[in-house]
Protein backbone atom coordinates (compact mmCIF):
# COMPACT_ATOMS: atom_id res chain seq x y z
CA MET A 1 -54.31 -11.98 36.33
CA THR A 2 -53.55 -15.33 37.84
CA ASP A 3 -53.33 -19.01 36.98
CA ASN A 4 -53.67 -21.23 40.07
CA GLY A 5 -52.86 -18.34 42.36
CA SER A 6 -49.78 -17.05 40.50
CA PRO A 7 -49.71 -13.85 38.41
CA TRP A 8 -49.43 -15.52 35.01
CA LEU A 9 -51.49 -15.90 31.90
CA ARG A 10 -50.67 -19.02 29.91
CA VAL A 11 -50.32 -18.10 26.22
CA MET A 12 -49.65 -20.33 23.22
CA SER A 13 -48.87 -19.66 19.55
CA PHE A 14 -49.65 -22.66 17.35
CA ASN A 15 -49.18 -23.09 13.60
CA LEU A 16 -51.74 -25.79 12.78
CA HIS A 17 -50.20 -26.52 9.36
CA VAL A 18 -52.68 -25.91 6.56
CA ASP A 19 -54.67 -28.95 5.51
CA TRP A 20 -54.15 -29.03 1.74
CA PRO A 21 -55.03 -31.85 -0.70
CA ALA A 22 -52.42 -34.63 -0.78
CA SER A 23 -50.69 -33.27 2.32
CA PRO A 24 -48.31 -35.81 3.90
CA ARG A 25 -49.68 -34.62 7.27
CA PRO A 26 -53.45 -34.40 6.73
CA TRP A 27 -55.54 -32.83 9.45
CA ARG A 28 -57.51 -36.04 9.98
CA ALA A 29 -54.28 -37.72 11.14
CA ARG A 30 -53.35 -34.86 13.47
CA ARG A 31 -56.67 -33.75 14.87
CA ASP A 32 -56.68 -35.96 17.96
CA VAL A 33 -53.04 -35.19 18.77
CA VAL A 34 -53.60 -31.43 18.52
CA ALA A 35 -56.68 -31.58 20.72
CA HIS A 36 -54.81 -33.71 23.27
CA LEU A 37 -51.91 -31.23 23.33
CA LEU A 38 -54.22 -28.29 23.94
CA ARG A 39 -56.09 -30.12 26.69
CA MET A 40 -52.77 -30.99 28.32
CA GLU A 41 -51.26 -27.51 28.07
CA ARG A 42 -54.52 -25.65 28.80
CA PRO A 43 -53.55 -22.23 27.41
CA ARG A 44 -55.76 -19.41 28.56
CA LEU A 45 -55.03 -17.57 25.32
CA ILE A 46 -53.99 -19.11 22.00
CA GLY A 47 -53.14 -17.68 18.59
CA THR A 48 -53.29 -20.15 15.70
CA GLN A 49 -51.96 -19.81 12.17
CA GLU A 50 -52.80 -21.75 8.98
CA GLY A 51 -56.07 -23.04 10.39
CA LEU A 52 -58.84 -23.49 7.84
CA HIS A 53 -62.53 -23.23 8.62
CA GLY A 54 -63.08 -26.99 8.93
CA PRO A 55 -60.17 -27.81 11.27
CA LEU A 56 -61.01 -24.81 13.45
CA ARG A 57 -64.58 -26.03 13.74
CA ASP A 58 -63.16 -29.41 14.76
CA LEU A 59 -61.06 -27.80 17.48
CA GLU A 60 -64.04 -25.85 18.74
CA ALA A 61 -65.99 -29.12 19.05
CA ASP A 62 -63.08 -31.11 20.53
CA LEU A 63 -62.26 -28.56 23.23
CA GLY A 64 -65.87 -27.64 23.91
CA PRO A 65 -67.46 -24.32 22.92
CA GLU A 66 -68.46 -23.86 26.54
CA HIS A 67 -64.75 -23.85 27.51
CA TYR A 68 -63.08 -21.97 24.65
CA GLY A 69 -64.28 -19.09 22.53
CA TRP A 70 -62.77 -18.39 19.10
CA THR A 71 -62.47 -15.21 17.04
CA GLY A 72 -61.21 -15.17 13.47
CA GLN A 73 -61.83 -14.66 9.78
CA GLY A 74 -60.35 -16.19 6.64
CA ARG A 75 -57.59 -14.09 5.12
CA GLU A 76 -59.44 -14.06 1.78
CA GLY A 77 -62.57 -12.80 3.53
CA GLY A 78 -65.35 -14.57 5.41
CA SER A 79 -64.60 -18.26 5.89
CA ARG A 80 -62.24 -18.43 2.88
CA GLY A 81 -58.55 -19.12 3.36
CA GLU A 82 -56.43 -19.46 6.46
CA PHE A 83 -57.53 -17.91 9.76
CA MET A 84 -55.38 -16.04 12.30
CA THR A 85 -57.70 -17.23 15.05
CA ILE A 86 -57.52 -16.13 18.67
CA GLY A 87 -58.88 -18.65 21.15
CA TYR A 88 -59.56 -17.86 24.79
CA ASP A 89 -60.57 -19.64 27.97
CA ARG A 90 -64.08 -18.40 28.76
CA THR A 91 -63.51 -18.82 32.51
CA ARG A 92 -60.55 -16.43 32.41
CA LEU A 93 -61.05 -13.91 29.60
CA ARG A 94 -64.11 -12.01 28.36
CA PRO A 95 -63.84 -10.33 24.94
CA LEU A 96 -64.82 -6.67 24.81
CA GLU A 97 -64.20 -5.88 21.13
CA TYR A 98 -62.40 -7.31 18.13
CA ASP A 99 -61.48 -6.65 14.52
CA HIS A 100 -59.20 -7.71 11.68
CA PHE A 101 -56.91 -5.88 9.28
CA TRP A 102 -54.86 -6.96 6.30
CA LEU A 103 -51.12 -6.51 5.98
CA SER A 104 -51.21 -4.32 2.90
CA GLY A 105 -51.46 -0.71 1.81
CA THR A 106 -55.26 -1.06 2.09
CA PRO A 107 -55.54 -2.83 5.46
CA GLN A 108 -59.35 -2.68 5.74
CA GLU A 109 -59.83 -4.43 2.38
CA PRO A 110 -60.28 -8.19 2.90
CA GLY A 111 -57.86 -10.27 0.88
CA SER A 112 -55.70 -7.27 -0.11
CA ASN A 113 -52.05 -7.87 -0.95
CA THR A 114 -50.16 -4.80 -2.21
CA TRP A 115 -46.59 -5.41 -1.00
CA GLY A 116 -45.62 -8.29 -3.29
CA GLY A 117 -46.28 -11.09 -0.85
CA SER A 118 -46.98 -14.64 -1.93
CA ARG A 119 -50.58 -14.40 -0.65
CA PRO A 120 -52.78 -12.15 1.50
CA ARG A 121 -51.73 -11.76 5.12
CA MET A 122 -53.73 -10.42 8.03
CA VAL A 123 -54.00 -9.71 11.75
CA THR A 124 -56.86 -10.59 14.09
CA TRP A 125 -57.06 -8.74 17.40
CA VAL A 126 -59.22 -8.89 20.51
CA ARG A 127 -59.41 -6.66 23.58
CA PHE A 128 -60.16 -8.72 26.70
CA HIS A 129 -61.29 -8.18 30.26
CA ASP A 130 -59.49 -10.44 32.73
CA LEU A 131 -62.11 -12.19 34.85
CA SER A 132 -59.55 -13.29 37.40
CA GLY A 133 -57.46 -10.26 38.23
CA GLY A 134 -59.41 -7.46 36.60
CA GLY A 135 -58.06 -5.02 34.06
CA GLU A 136 -57.79 -5.38 30.30
CA LEU A 137 -55.30 -6.73 27.77
CA PHE A 138 -54.98 -6.58 24.00
CA ALA A 139 -54.13 -9.69 21.95
CA ALA A 140 -53.09 -9.73 18.29
CA ASN A 141 -52.30 -12.76 16.15
CA THR A 142 -50.73 -12.87 12.68
CA HIS A 143 -48.76 -14.78 10.04
CA PHE A 144 -46.20 -12.85 7.98
CA ASP A 145 -45.34 -13.60 4.36
CA ASP A 146 -42.96 -16.46 3.61
CA ALA A 147 -41.55 -15.16 0.29
CA SER A 148 -41.09 -11.39 0.43
CA ALA A 149 -38.74 -9.69 2.91
CA TYR A 150 -40.18 -6.33 1.85
CA ALA A 151 -43.71 -7.51 2.67
CA ARG A 152 -42.53 -8.76 6.07
CA ASP A 153 -40.83 -5.43 6.86
CA CYS A 154 -43.93 -3.47 5.85
CA SER A 155 -46.11 -5.86 7.84
CA ALA A 156 -44.01 -5.33 10.97
CA GLU A 157 -44.31 -1.56 10.60
CA LEU A 158 -48.08 -1.64 10.09
CA LEU A 159 -48.55 -4.03 13.01
CA ALA A 160 -46.43 -1.79 15.26
CA GLU A 161 -48.43 1.26 14.18
CA ARG A 162 -51.76 -0.43 14.87
CA LEU A 163 -50.66 -1.73 18.27
CA ILE A 164 -49.85 1.79 19.38
CA THR A 165 -53.12 3.15 17.94
CA LEU A 166 -55.45 0.42 19.19
CA ALA A 167 -53.98 -0.28 22.62
CA PRO A 168 -52.01 2.73 23.88
CA GLU A 169 -52.76 2.23 27.56
CA ILE A 170 -53.03 -1.51 28.22
CA PRO A 171 -50.67 -4.51 28.00
CA ARG A 172 -50.37 -6.00 24.51
CA ILE A 173 -49.70 -9.63 23.61
CA VAL A 174 -48.65 -10.55 20.07
CA THR A 175 -48.51 -14.13 18.81
CA GLY A 176 -47.62 -15.21 15.30
CA ASP A 177 -45.57 -17.03 12.73
CA PHE A 178 -43.27 -14.30 11.41
CA ASN A 179 -41.35 -16.41 8.88
CA THR A 180 -38.07 -14.83 9.94
CA PRO A 181 -35.42 -15.53 12.59
CA ALA A 182 -35.49 -13.58 15.80
CA GLY A 183 -32.54 -11.57 16.97
CA ALA A 184 -30.84 -9.98 13.98
CA SER A 185 -33.85 -9.68 11.66
CA THR A 186 -35.41 -6.33 10.78
CA VAL A 187 -38.87 -7.71 11.57
CA HIS A 188 -37.82 -8.68 15.07
CA ALA A 189 -36.16 -5.31 15.62
CA ALA A 190 -39.18 -3.37 14.36
CA LEU A 191 -41.62 -5.16 16.63
CA LEU A 192 -39.43 -4.79 19.68
CA THR A 193 -38.51 -1.14 19.14
CA ARG A 194 -41.35 0.55 17.26
CA ALA A 195 -44.08 -1.35 19.11
CA ASP A 196 -42.13 -1.49 22.39
CA LEU A 197 -42.59 -5.26 22.64
CA VAL A 198 -40.55 -7.62 24.78
CA ASP A 199 -39.52 -10.97 23.31
CA THR A 200 -40.82 -13.43 25.85
CA TRP A 201 -38.69 -16.30 24.57
CA GLU A 202 -35.73 -14.61 26.24
CA PRO A 203 -35.68 -15.97 29.80
CA PRO A 204 -34.96 -13.82 32.85
CA ARG A 205 -31.34 -13.69 33.98
CA ASN A 206 -30.17 -17.00 35.50
CA ALA A 207 -33.34 -18.76 34.35
CA ALA A 208 -33.32 -21.77 32.05
CA ARG A 209 -34.95 -21.47 28.63
CA PRO A 210 -38.15 -23.55 28.69
CA THR A 211 -38.95 -26.14 26.07
CA ALA A 212 -42.11 -27.02 24.18
CA PRO A 213 -43.13 -29.60 21.57
CA SER A 214 -43.25 -28.80 17.87
CA THR A 215 -46.64 -28.55 16.22
CA THR A 216 -46.22 -30.65 13.08
CA THR A 217 -43.93 -33.39 11.85
CA GLY A 218 -40.83 -31.97 10.23
CA HIS A 219 -40.68 -28.75 12.23
CA ARG A 220 -37.44 -28.06 14.00
CA SER A 221 -37.09 -27.61 17.74
CA PRO A 222 -39.15 -24.76 19.21
CA ALA A 223 -37.99 -21.18 18.90
CA ALA A 224 -40.16 -19.50 21.49
CA THR A 225 -41.89 -19.58 24.82
CA ALA A 226 -43.51 -16.63 26.54
CA SER A 227 -42.74 -15.31 30.00
CA THR A 228 -42.94 -11.60 30.68
CA GLY A 229 -45.35 -8.81 31.44
CA SER A 230 -46.18 -5.16 31.38
CA SER A 231 -44.13 -2.73 33.39
CA ARG A 232 -47.10 -0.42 33.92
CA PRO A 233 -47.87 -0.23 37.67
CA GLY A 234 -50.69 -2.55 38.51
CA ALA A 235 -50.74 -4.10 35.05
CA PRO A 236 -51.01 -7.88 34.66
CA ALA A 237 -48.07 -10.08 33.88
CA CYS A 238 -48.37 -12.67 31.16
CA ALA A 239 -46.69 -15.95 30.36
CA GLY A 240 -47.20 -18.81 27.97
CA ARG A 241 -45.81 -21.15 25.38
CA CYS A 242 -45.05 -21.14 21.68
CA SER A 243 -44.19 -24.20 19.77
CA THR A 244 -42.81 -23.76 16.28
CA THR A 245 -39.65 -22.54 14.64
CA SER A 246 -40.49 -19.01 13.57
CA HIS A 247 -43.05 -18.25 16.25
CA ARG A 248 -42.61 -15.68 18.96
CA THR A 249 -44.89 -14.36 21.66
CA ALA A 250 -44.46 -10.85 22.98
CA VAL A 251 -45.98 -8.77 25.74
CA THR A 252 -45.49 -5.07 26.23
CA PRO A 253 -46.39 -1.89 28.01
CA ALA A 254 -47.61 0.84 25.71
CA THR A 255 -45.39 3.71 24.62
CA ILE A 256 -45.62 5.99 21.60
CA CYS A 257 -43.11 5.04 18.90
CA PRO A 258 -42.50 6.84 15.60
CA TYR A 259 -43.79 5.14 12.47
CA ARG A 260 -41.31 5.03 9.58
CA GLN A 261 -43.11 5.83 6.31
CA SER A 262 -41.39 3.30 4.06
CA CYS A 263 -44.45 1.44 2.81
CA ALA A 264 -47.63 2.44 1.03
CA PRO A 265 -49.97 4.78 2.96
CA HIS A 266 -52.41 3.00 5.23
CA ALA A 267 -56.09 3.77 4.98
CA ASP A 268 -58.38 4.33 7.95
CA PRO A 269 -56.11 4.77 11.01
CA HIS A 270 -59.11 4.20 13.29
CA PRO A 271 -60.82 1.06 11.95
CA ALA A 272 -64.31 0.01 12.96
CA ARG A 273 -64.58 -2.22 16.01
CA HIS A 274 -67.10 -4.93 16.70
CA PRO A 275 -68.56 -5.12 20.20
CA ASP A 276 -68.76 -8.79 21.12
CA PRO A 277 -66.94 -11.65 19.37
CA ARG A 278 -68.23 -14.49 21.51
CA ARG A 279 -70.32 -15.87 18.67
CA THR A 280 -67.97 -14.96 15.81
CA PRO A 281 -65.96 -17.26 13.46
CA PRO A 282 -65.16 -19.98 13.06
CA SER A 283 -68.68 -20.07 11.61
């Protein structure tokens, strides 16, 4: 997997900031800036949070549907609510299958919210074939709850469980807004240990921490960039950029980790998969 001859995949996590009525930062005032940033950075893989159907359609048009494909669904089902969209460069990645699940005790029920969160939360995932270097990778994108620590802890455990189940043999990339600090938080620890992820914001020894712009006015300086890869022999390495305070990007080899049963039982451990997301939402 290479970008311009080097073994890297450029990844970005981007909270688009939900476009709500009377917002001091309406999407119409940010649309051109966001499109310019994405054209400038040219991520091969991008996970967005807080994007609504309309703004995501705008991005699809601005970046060109012939250049970027998009897979997502509203967290309230269909086109309703915020999307956890995964975008991909069509010249680099070809989707093989995709699906969504909700961060709740009934993860296959759209819009479900059983852990006391402020609103429904979900994960969108896509398995890709790398058109450049061959092989496959698994990408997941999410947005954890902002109000309930219990919901965040349960979400981290369910996400870790699903990563192991859905992608046991290929590199996994996770992007998201986790609404919690990295380092000492239980969410961060769960994702790194139970899902065997590597926090790609942590630079290699003797390397400087990279910088990236924030996504919306009022956000603090960035908390994450991505730069790591799978340790599986012959597996692709991945790198990229994140750009907002509570965002992290992680890449990992696959190992089996125990799942701690502290949350409600999860239905359907082997969810249905859809074969080709190239023409899926935003729609």
